[in-house]
């Protein structure tokens, strides 16, 4: 650790700032890769947001087929 501090102290102010910025970037990457929760509970939670039945999907598909047949009212 002393070697690291000695090397750091030999750097110019600009180089020290660059080194600190790089170290912070490495820390951010490390934190981003660490899991933050239980994936199975997240899957269950997101699955409860909304689900569409086959009937819902069929109704949407049927309505999409007729969308181009719709005519706007003349004024």
PDB file of N, CA and C in Angstrom:
ATOM      1  N   UNK A   1       0.821  -1.187   0.000  1.00  0.00           N
ATOM      2  CA  UNK A   1       0.000   0.000   0.000  1.00  0.00           C
ATOM      3  C   UNK A   1       0.867   1.252   0.000  1.00  0.00           C
ATOM      4  N   UNK A   2       1.987   1.191   0.692  1.00  0.00           N
ATOM      5  CA  UNK A   2       2.887   2.344   0.710  1.00  0.00           C
ATOM      6  C   UNK A   2       3.406   2.656  -0.686  1.00  0.00           C
ATOM      7  N   UNK A   3       3.658   1.603  -1.485  1.00  0.00           N
ATOM      8  CA  UNK A   3       4.116   1.816  -2.862  1.00  0.00           C
ATOM      9  C   UNK A   3       3.070   2.582  -3.656  1.00  0.00           C
ATOM     10  N   UNK A   4       1.834   2.240  -3.442  1.00  0.00           N
ATOM     11  CA  UNK A   4       0.747   2.901  -4.158  1.00  0.00           C
ATOM     12  C   UNK A   4       0.678   4.375  -3.774  1.00  0.00           C
ATOM     13  N   UNK A   5       0.796   4.675  -2.503  1.00  0.00           N
ATOM     14  CA  UNK A   5       0.743   6.053  -2.032  1.00  0.00           C
ATOM     15  C   UNK A   5       1.943   6.842  -2.542  1.00  0.00           C
ATOM     16  N   UNK A   6       3.106   6.243  -2.522  1.00  0.00           N
ATOM     17  CA  UNK A   6       4.303   6.920  -3.030  1.00  0.00           C
ATOM     18  C   UNK A   6       4.168   7.228  -4.520  1.00  0.00           C
ATOM     19  N   UNK A   7       3.665   6.277  -5.261  1.00  0.00           N
ATOM     20  CA  UNK A   7       3.474   6.487  -6.699  1.00  0.00           C
ATOM     21  C   UNK A   7       2.433   7.573  -6.931  1.00  0.00           C
ATOM     22  N   UNK A   8       1.358   7.540  -6.188  1.00  0.00           N
ATOM     23  CA  UNK A   8       0.312   8.555  -6.317  1.00  0.00           C
ATOM     24  C   UNK A   8       0.872   9.946  -6.032  1.00  0.00           C
ATOM     25  N   UNK A   9       1.668  10.063  -4.997  1.00  0.00           N
ATOM     26  CA  UNK A   9       2.234  11.360  -4.620  1.00  0.00           C
ATOM     27  C   UNK A   9       3.211  11.899  -5.667  1.00  0.00           C
ATOM     28  N   UNK A  10       3.772  11.043  -6.477  1.00  0.00           N
ATOM     29  CA  UNK A  10       4.703  11.476  -7.520  1.00  0.00           C
ATOM     30  C   UNK A  10       3.977  12.009  -8.758  1.00  0.00           C
ATOM     31  N   UNK A  11       2.698  11.755  -8.845  1.00  0.00           N
ATOM     32  CA  UNK A  11       1.926  12.229  -9.987  1.00  0.00           C
ATOM     33  C   UNK A  11       1.608  13.714  -9.856  1.00  0.00           C
ATOM     34  N   UNK A  12       1.402  14.348 -11.001  1.00  0.00           N
ATOM     35  CA  UNK A  12       0.976  15.752 -10.989  1.00  0.00           C
ATOM     36  C   UNK A  12      -0.469  15.829 -10.506  1.00  0.00           C
ATOM     37  N   UNK A  13      -0.939  17.033 -10.204  1.00  0.00           N
ATOM     38  CA  UNK A  13      -2.314  17.194  -9.742  1.00  0.00           C
ATOM     39  C   UNK A  13      -3.312  16.674 -10.776  1.00  0.00           C
ATOM     40  N   UNK A  14      -3.061  16.972 -12.030  1.00  0.00           N
ATOM     41  CA  UNK A  14      -3.943  16.519 -13.099  1.00  0.00           C
ATOM     42  C   UNK A  14      -3.961  14.999 -13.177  1.00  0.00           C
ATOM     43  N   UNK A  15      -2.803  14.393 -13.086  1.00  0.00           N
ATOM     44  CA  UNK A  15      -2.722  12.934 -13.147  1.00  0.00           C
ATOM     45  C   UNK A  15      -3.382  12.294 -11.931  1.00  0.00           C
ATOM     46  N   UNK A  16      -3.263  12.919 -10.769  1.00  0.00           N
ATOM     47  CA  UNK A  16      -3.924  12.402  -9.577  1.00  0.00           C
ATOM     48  C   UNK A  16      -5.443  12.442  -9.748  1.00  0.00           C
ATOM     49  N   UNK A  17      -5.957  13.530 -10.328  1.00  0.00           N
ATOM     50  CA  UNK A  17      -7.395  13.630 -10.570  1.00  0.00           C
ATOM     51  C   UNK A  17      -7.849  12.575 -11.570  1.00  0.00           C
ATOM     52  N   UNK A  18      -7.043  12.337 -12.607  1.00  0.00           N
ATOM     53  CA  UNK A  18      -7.387  11.315 -13.595  1.00  0.00           C
ATOM     54  C   UNK A  18      -7.404   9.931 -12.963  1.00  0.00           C
ATOM     55  N   UNK A  19      -6.435   9.668 -12.103  1.00  0.00           N
ATOM     56  CA  UNK A  19      -6.372   8.368 -11.429  1.00  0.00           C
ATOM     57  C   UNK A  19      -7.576   8.167 -10.519  1.00  0.00           C
ATOM     58  N   UNK A  20      -7.967   9.200  -9.790  1.00  0.00           N
ATOM     59  CA  UNK A  20      -9.138   9.101  -8.920  1.00  0.00           C
ATOM     60  C   UNK A  20     -10.414   8.900  -9.732  1.00  0.00           C
ATOM     61  N   UNK A  21     -10.526   9.590 -10.854  1.00  0.00           N
ATOM     62  CA  UNK A  21     -11.698   9.415 -11.716  1.00  0.00           C
ATOM     63  C   UNK A  21     -11.756   7.981 -12.244  1.00  0.00           C
ATOM     64  N   UNK A  22     -10.612   7.441 -12.633  1.00  0.00           N
ATOM     65  CA  UNK A  22     -10.566   6.064 -13.117  1.00  0.00           C
ATOM     66  C   UNK A  22     -10.932   5.080 -12.009  1.00  0.00           C
ATOM     67  N   UNK A  23     -10.425   5.311 -10.801  1.00  0.00           N
ATOM     68  CA  UNK A  23     -10.753   4.436  -9.675  1.00  0.00           C
ATOM     69  C   UNK A  23     -12.254   4.485  -9.374  1.00  0.00           C
ATOM     70  N   UNK A  24     -12.847   5.667  -9.456  1.00  0.00           N
ATOM     71  CA  UNK A  24     -14.293   5.794  -9.236  1.00  0.00           C
ATOM     72  C   UNK A  24     -15.074   5.052 -10.305  1.00  0.00           C
ATOM     73  N   UNK A  25     -14.599   5.104 -11.539  1.00  0.00           N
ATOM     74  CA  UNK A  25     -15.244   4.363 -12.622  1.00  0.00           C
ATOM     75  C   UNK A  25     -15.201   2.863 -12.348  1.00  0.00           C
ATOM     76  N   UNK A  26     -14.061   2.375 -11.904  1.00  0.00           N
ATOM     77  CA  UNK A  26     -13.944   0.952 -11.573  1.00  0.00           C
ATOM     78  C   UNK A  26     -14.899   0.561 -10.447  1.00  0.00           C
ATOM     79  N   UNK A  27     -15.038   1.429  -9.454  1.00  0.00           N
ATOM     80  CA  UNK A  27     -15.961   1.145  -8.353  1.00  0.00           C
ATOM     81  C   UNK A  27     -17.409   1.107  -8.833  1.00  0.00           C
ATOM     82  N   UNK A  28     -17.768   2.019  -9.734  1.00  0.00           N
ATOM     83  CA  UNK A  28     -19.127   2.019 -10.285  1.00  0.00           C
ATOM     84  C   UNK A  28     -19.410   0.741 -11.057  1.00  0.00           C
ATOM     85  N   UNK A  29     -18.448   0.298 -11.850  1.00  0.00           N
ATOM     86  CA  UNK A  29     -18.617  -0.939 -12.605  1.00  0.00           C
ATOM     87  C   UNK A  29     -18.778  -2.125 -11.664  1.00  0.00           C
ATOM     88  N   UNK A  30     -18.003  -2.132 -10.601  1.00  0.00           N
ATOM     89  CA  UNK A  30     -18.063  -3.232  -9.633  1.00  0.00           C
ATOM     90  C   UNK A  30     -19.424  -3.258  -8.953  1.00  0.00           C
ATOM     91  N   UNK A  31     -19.949  -2.094  -8.581  1.00  0.00           N
ATOM     92  CA  UNK A  31     -21.252  -2.028  -7.930  1.00  0.00           C
ATOM     93  C   UNK A  31     -22.358  -2.441  -8.887  1.00  0.00           C
ATOM     94  N   UNK A  32     -22.227  -2.085 -10.161  1.00  0.00           N
ATOM     95  CA  UNK A  32     -23.254  -2.413 -11.145  1.00  0.00           C
ATOM     96  C   UNK A  32     -23.348  -3.909 -11.380  1.00  0.00           C
ATOM     97  N   UNK A  33     -22.266  -4.626 -11.220  1.00  0.00           N
ATOM     98  CA  UNK A  33     -22.261  -6.064 -11.478  1.00  0.00           C
ATOM     99  C   UNK A  33     -22.764  -6.873 -10.292  1.00  0.00           C
ATOM    100  N   UNK A  34     -22.804  -6.260  -9.121  1.00  0.00           N
ATOM    101  CA  UNK A  34     -23.240  -6.995  -7.940  1.00  0.00           C
ATOM    102  C   UNK A  34     -24.764  -7.108  -7.937  1.00  0.00           C
ATOM    103  N   UNK A  35     -25.284  -8.296  -7.682  1.00  0.00           N
ATOM    104  CA  UNK A  35     -26.738  -8.443  -7.615  1.00  0.00           C
ATOM    105  C   UNK A  35     -27.290  -7.648  -6.436  1.00  0.00           C
ATOM    106  N   UNK A  36     -28.426  -7.025  -6.645  1.00  0.00           N
ATOM    107  CA  UNK A  36     -28.986  -6.177  -5.594  1.00  0.00           C
ATOM    108  C   UNK A  36     -30.237  -6.755  -4.956  1.00  0.00           C
ATOM    109  N   UNK A  37     -30.682  -7.902  -5.401  1.00  0.00           N
ATOM    110  CA  UNK A  37     -31.896  -8.443  -4.807  1.00  0.00           C
ATOM    111  C   UNK A  37     -32.164  -9.856  -5.251  1.00  0.00           C
ATOM    112  N   UNK A  38     -33.315 -10.330  -4.859  1.00  0.00           N
ATOM    113  CA  UNK A  38     -33.739 -11.684  -5.155  1.00  0.00           C
ATOM    114  C   UNK A  38     -34.451 -11.687  -6.507  1.00  0.00           C
ATOM    115  N   UNK A  39     -33.874 -12.342  -7.490  1.00  0.00           N
ATOM    116  CA  UNK A  39     -34.420 -12.345  -8.843  1.00  0.00           C
ATOM    117  C   UNK A  39     -35.769 -13.049  -8.908  1.00  0.00           C
ATOM    118  N   UNK A  40     -35.955 -14.107  -8.144  1.00  0.00           N
ATOM    119  CA  UNK A  40     -37.226 -14.828  -8.201  1.00  0.00           C
ATOM    120  C   UNK A  40     -38.375 -13.966  -7.686  1.00  0.00           C
ATOM    121  N   UNK A  41     -38.148 -13.174  -6.645  1.00  0.00           N
ATOM    122  CA  UNK A  41     -39.219 -12.298  -6.154  1.00  0.00           C
ATOM    123  C   UNK A  41     -39.494 -11.191  -7.155  1.00  0.00           C
ATOM    124  N   UNK A  42     -38.462 -10.718  -7.869  1.00  0.00           N
ATOM    125  CA  UNK A  42     -38.669  -9.702  -8.899  1.00  0.00           C
ATOM    126  C   UNK A  42     -39.507 -10.266 -10.033  1.00  0.00           C
ATOM    127  N   UNK A  43     -39.221 -11.493 -10.450  1.00  0.00           N
ATOM    128  CA  UNK A  43     -40.001 -12.119 -11.518  1.00  0.00           C
ATOM    129  C   UNK A  43     -41.461 -12.251 -11.122  1.00  0.00           C
ATOM    130  N   UNK A  44     -41.700 -12.633  -9.892  1.00  0.00           N
ATOM    131  CA  UNK A  44     -43.077 -12.763  -9.427  1.00  0.00           C
ATOM    132  C   UNK A  44     -43.758 -11.400  -9.397  1.00  0.00           C
ATOM    133  N   UNK A  45     -43.054 -10.393  -8.916  1.00  0.00           N
ATOM    134  CA  UNK A  45     -43.617  -9.050  -8.823  1.00  0.00           C
ATOM    135  C   UNK A  45     -43.943  -8.489 -10.203  1.00  0.00           C
ATOM    136  N   UNK A  46     -43.039  -8.653 -11.149  1.00  0.00           N
ATOM    137  CA  UNK A  46     -43.268  -8.118 -12.491  1.00  0.00           C
ATOM    138  C   UNK A  46     -44.363  -8.907 -13.205  1.00  0.00           C
ATOM    139  N   UNK A  47     -44.486 -10.171 -12.885  1.00  0.00           N
ATOM    140  CA  UNK A  47     -45.536 -10.992 -13.478  1.00  0.00           C
ATOM    141  C   UNK A  47     -46.928 -10.599 -13.018  1.00  0.00           C
ATOM    142  N   UNK A  48     -47.015  -9.969 -11.871  1.00  0.00           N
ATOM    143  CA  UNK A  48     -48.306  -9.552 -11.331  1.00  0.00           C
ATOM    144  C   UNK A  48     -48.758  -8.194 -11.855  1.00  0.00           C
ATOM    145  N   UNK A  49     -47.906  -7.524 -12.609  1.00  0.00           N
ATOM    146  CA  UNK A  49     -48.265  -6.203 -13.116  1.00  0.00           C
ATOM    147  C   UNK A  49     -49.462  -6.312 -14.040  1.00  0.00           C
ATOM    148  N   UNK A  50     -49.358  -7.126 -15.061  1.00  0.00           N
ATOM    149  CA  UNK A  50     -50.495  -7.374 -15.932  1.00  0.00           C
ATOM    150  C   UNK A  50     -50.228  -8.611 -16.767  1.00  0.00           C
ATOM    151  N   UNK A  51     -51.279  -9.325 -17.010  1.00  0.00           N
ATOM    152  CA  UNK A  51     -51.182 -10.482 -17.905  1.00  0.00           C
ATOM    153  C   UNK A  51     -52.369 -10.441 -18.836  1.00  0.00           C
ATOM    154  N   UNK A  52     -52.147 -10.826 -20.064  1.00  0.00           N
ATOM    155  CA  UNK A  52     -53.208 -10.846 -21.052  1.00  0.00           C
ATOM    156  C   UNK A  52     -53.567 -12.284 -21.352  1.00  0.00           C
ATOM    157  N   UNK A  53     -54.840 -12.513 -21.401  1.00  0.00           N
ATOM    158  CA  UNK A  53     -55.313 -13.850 -21.744  1.00  0.00           C
ATOM    159  C   UNK A  53     -55.275 -14.008 -23.261  1.00  0.00           C
ATOM    160  N   UNK A  54     -55.467 -15.222 -23.723  1.00  0.00           N
ATOM    161  CA  UNK A  54     -55.519 -15.476 -25.170  1.00  0.00           C
ATOM    162  C   UNK A  54     -56.685 -14.724 -25.800  1.00  0.00           C
ATOM    163  N   UNK A  55     -57.784 -14.589 -25.062  1.00  0.00           N
ATOM    164  CA  UNK A  55     -58.944 -13.848 -25.564  1.00  0.00           C
ATOM    165  C   UNK A  55     -58.618 -12.371 -25.754  1.00  0.00           C
ATOM    166  N   UNK A  56     -57.858 -11.801 -24.798  1.00  0.00           N
ATOM    167  CA  UNK A  56     -57.459 -10.395 -24.910  1.00  0.00           C
ATOM    168  C   UNK A  56     -56.606 -10.176 -26.158  1.00  0.00           C
ATOM    169  N   UNK A  57     -55.653 -11.064 -26.370  1.00  0.00           N
ATOM    170  CA  UNK A  57     -54.767 -10.948 -27.525  1.00  0.00           C
ATOM    171  C   UNK A  57     -55.545 -11.110 -28.823  1.00  0.00           C
ATOM    172  N   UNK A  58     -56.471 -12.051 -28.855  1.00  0.00           N
ATOM    173  CA  UNK A  58     -57.279 -12.270 -30.055  1.00  0.00           C
ATOM    174  C   UNK A  58     -58.118 -11.038 -30.367  1.00  0.00           C
ATOM    175  N   UNK A  59     -58.705 -10.423 -29.354  1.00  0.00           N
ATOM    176  CA  UNK A  59     -59.514  -9.220 -29.563  1.00  0.00           C
ATOM    177  C   UNK A  59     -58.654  -8.091 -30.134  1.00  0.00           C
ATOM    178  N   UNK A  60     -57.451  -7.928 -29.623  1.00  0.00           N
ATOM    179  CA  UNK A  60     -56.555  -6.900 -30.147  1.00  0.00           C
ATOM    180  C   UNK A  60     -56.175  -7.176 -31.596  1.00  0.00           C
ATOM    181  N   UNK A  61     -55.867  -8.421 -31.900  1.00  0.00           N
ATOM    182  CA  UNK A  61     -55.498  -8.783 -33.268  1.00  0.00           C
ATOM    183  C   UNK A  61     -56.661  -8.571 -34.225  1.00  0.00           C
ATOM    184  N   UNK A  62     -57.867  -8.945 -33.805  1.00  0.00           N
ATOM    185  CA  UNK A  62     -59.052  -8.752 -34.645  1.00  0.00           C
ATOM    186  C   UNK A  62     -59.301  -7.263 -34.903  1.00  0.00           C
ATOM    187  N   UNK A  63     -59.194  -6.470 -33.886  1.00  0.00           N
ATOM    188  CA  UNK A  63     -59.401  -5.024 -34.043  1.00  0.00           C
ATOM    189  C   UNK A  63     -58.323  -4.403 -34.916  1.00  0.00           C
ATOM    190  N   UNK A  64     -57.101  -4.899 -34.828  1.00  0.00           N
ATOM    191  CA  UNK A  64     -56.018  -4.373 -35.655  1.00  0.00           C
ATOM    192  C   UNK A  64     -56.286  -4.641 -37.132  1.00  0.00           C
ATOM    193  N   UNK A  65     -56.914  -5.763 -37.445  1.00  0.00           N
ATOM    194  CA  UNK A  65     -57.223  -6.095 -38.837  1.00  0.00           C
ATOM    195  C   UNK A  65     -58.238  -5.120 -39.428  1.00  0.00           C
ATOM    196  N   UNK A  66     -59.121  -4.601 -38.594  1.00  0.00           N
ATOM    197  CA  UNK A  66     -60.183  -3.716 -39.065  1.00  0.00           C
ATOM    198  C   UNK A  66     -59.827  -2.236 -38.935  1.00  0.00           C
ATOM    199  N   UNK A  67     -58.664  -1.936 -38.440  1.00  0.00           N
ATOM    200  CA  UNK A  67     -58.281  -0.547 -38.207  1.00  0.00           C
ATOM    201  C   UNK A  67     -58.251   0.260 -39.502  1.00  0.00           C
ATOM    202  N   UNK A  68     -57.736  -0.305 -40.584  1.00  0.00           N
ATOM    203  CA  UNK A  68     -57.659   0.414 -41.854  1.00  0.00           C
ATOM    204  C   UNK A  68     -59.019   0.589 -42.511  1.00  0.00           C
ATOM    205  N   UNK A  69     -60.015  -0.123 -42.071  1.00  0.00           N
ATOM    206  CA  UNK A  69     -61.368  -0.007 -42.641  1.00  0.00           C
ATOM    207  C   UNK A  69     -62.166   1.120 -41.991  1.00  0.00           C
ATOM    208  N   UNK A  70     -61.649   1.634 -40.915  1.00  0.00           N
ATOM    209  CA  UNK A  70     -62.352   2.698 -40.196  1.00  0.00           C
ATOM    210  C   UNK A  70     -62.293   3.979 -41.016  1.00  0.00           C
ATOM    211  N   UNK A  71     -63.384   4.675 -41.101  1.00  0.00           N
ATOM    212  CA  UNK A  71     -63.445   5.922 -41.880  1.00  0.00           C
ATOM    213  C   UNK A  71     -63.758   7.070 -40.940  1.00  0.00           C
ATOM    214  N   UNK A  72     -63.013   8.145 -41.121  1.00  0.00           N
ATOM    215  CA  UNK A  72     -63.248   9.327 -40.319  1.00  0.00           C
ATOM    216  C   UNK A  72     -64.522  10.019 -40.777  1.00  0.00           C
ATOM    217  N   UNK A  73     -65.199  10.607 -39.843  1.00  0.00           N
ATOM    218  CA  UNK A  73     -66.448  11.291 -40.141  1.00  0.00           C
ATOM    219  C   UNK A  73     -66.149  12.561 -40.931  1.00  0.00           C
ATOM    220  N   UNK A  74     -66.934  12.833 -41.974  1.00  0.00           N
ATOM    221  CA  UNK A  74     -66.801  14.059 -42.751  1.00  0.00           C
ATOM    222  C   UNK A  74     -67.427  15.205 -41.984  1.00  0.00           C
ATOM    223  N   UNK A  75     -66.826  16.363 -42.099  1.00  0.00           N
ATOM    224  CA  UNK A  75     -67.342  17.553 -41.409  1.00  0.00           C
ATOM    225  C   UNK A  75     -68.035  18.441 -42.380  1.00  0.00           C
TER     226      UNK A  75
END
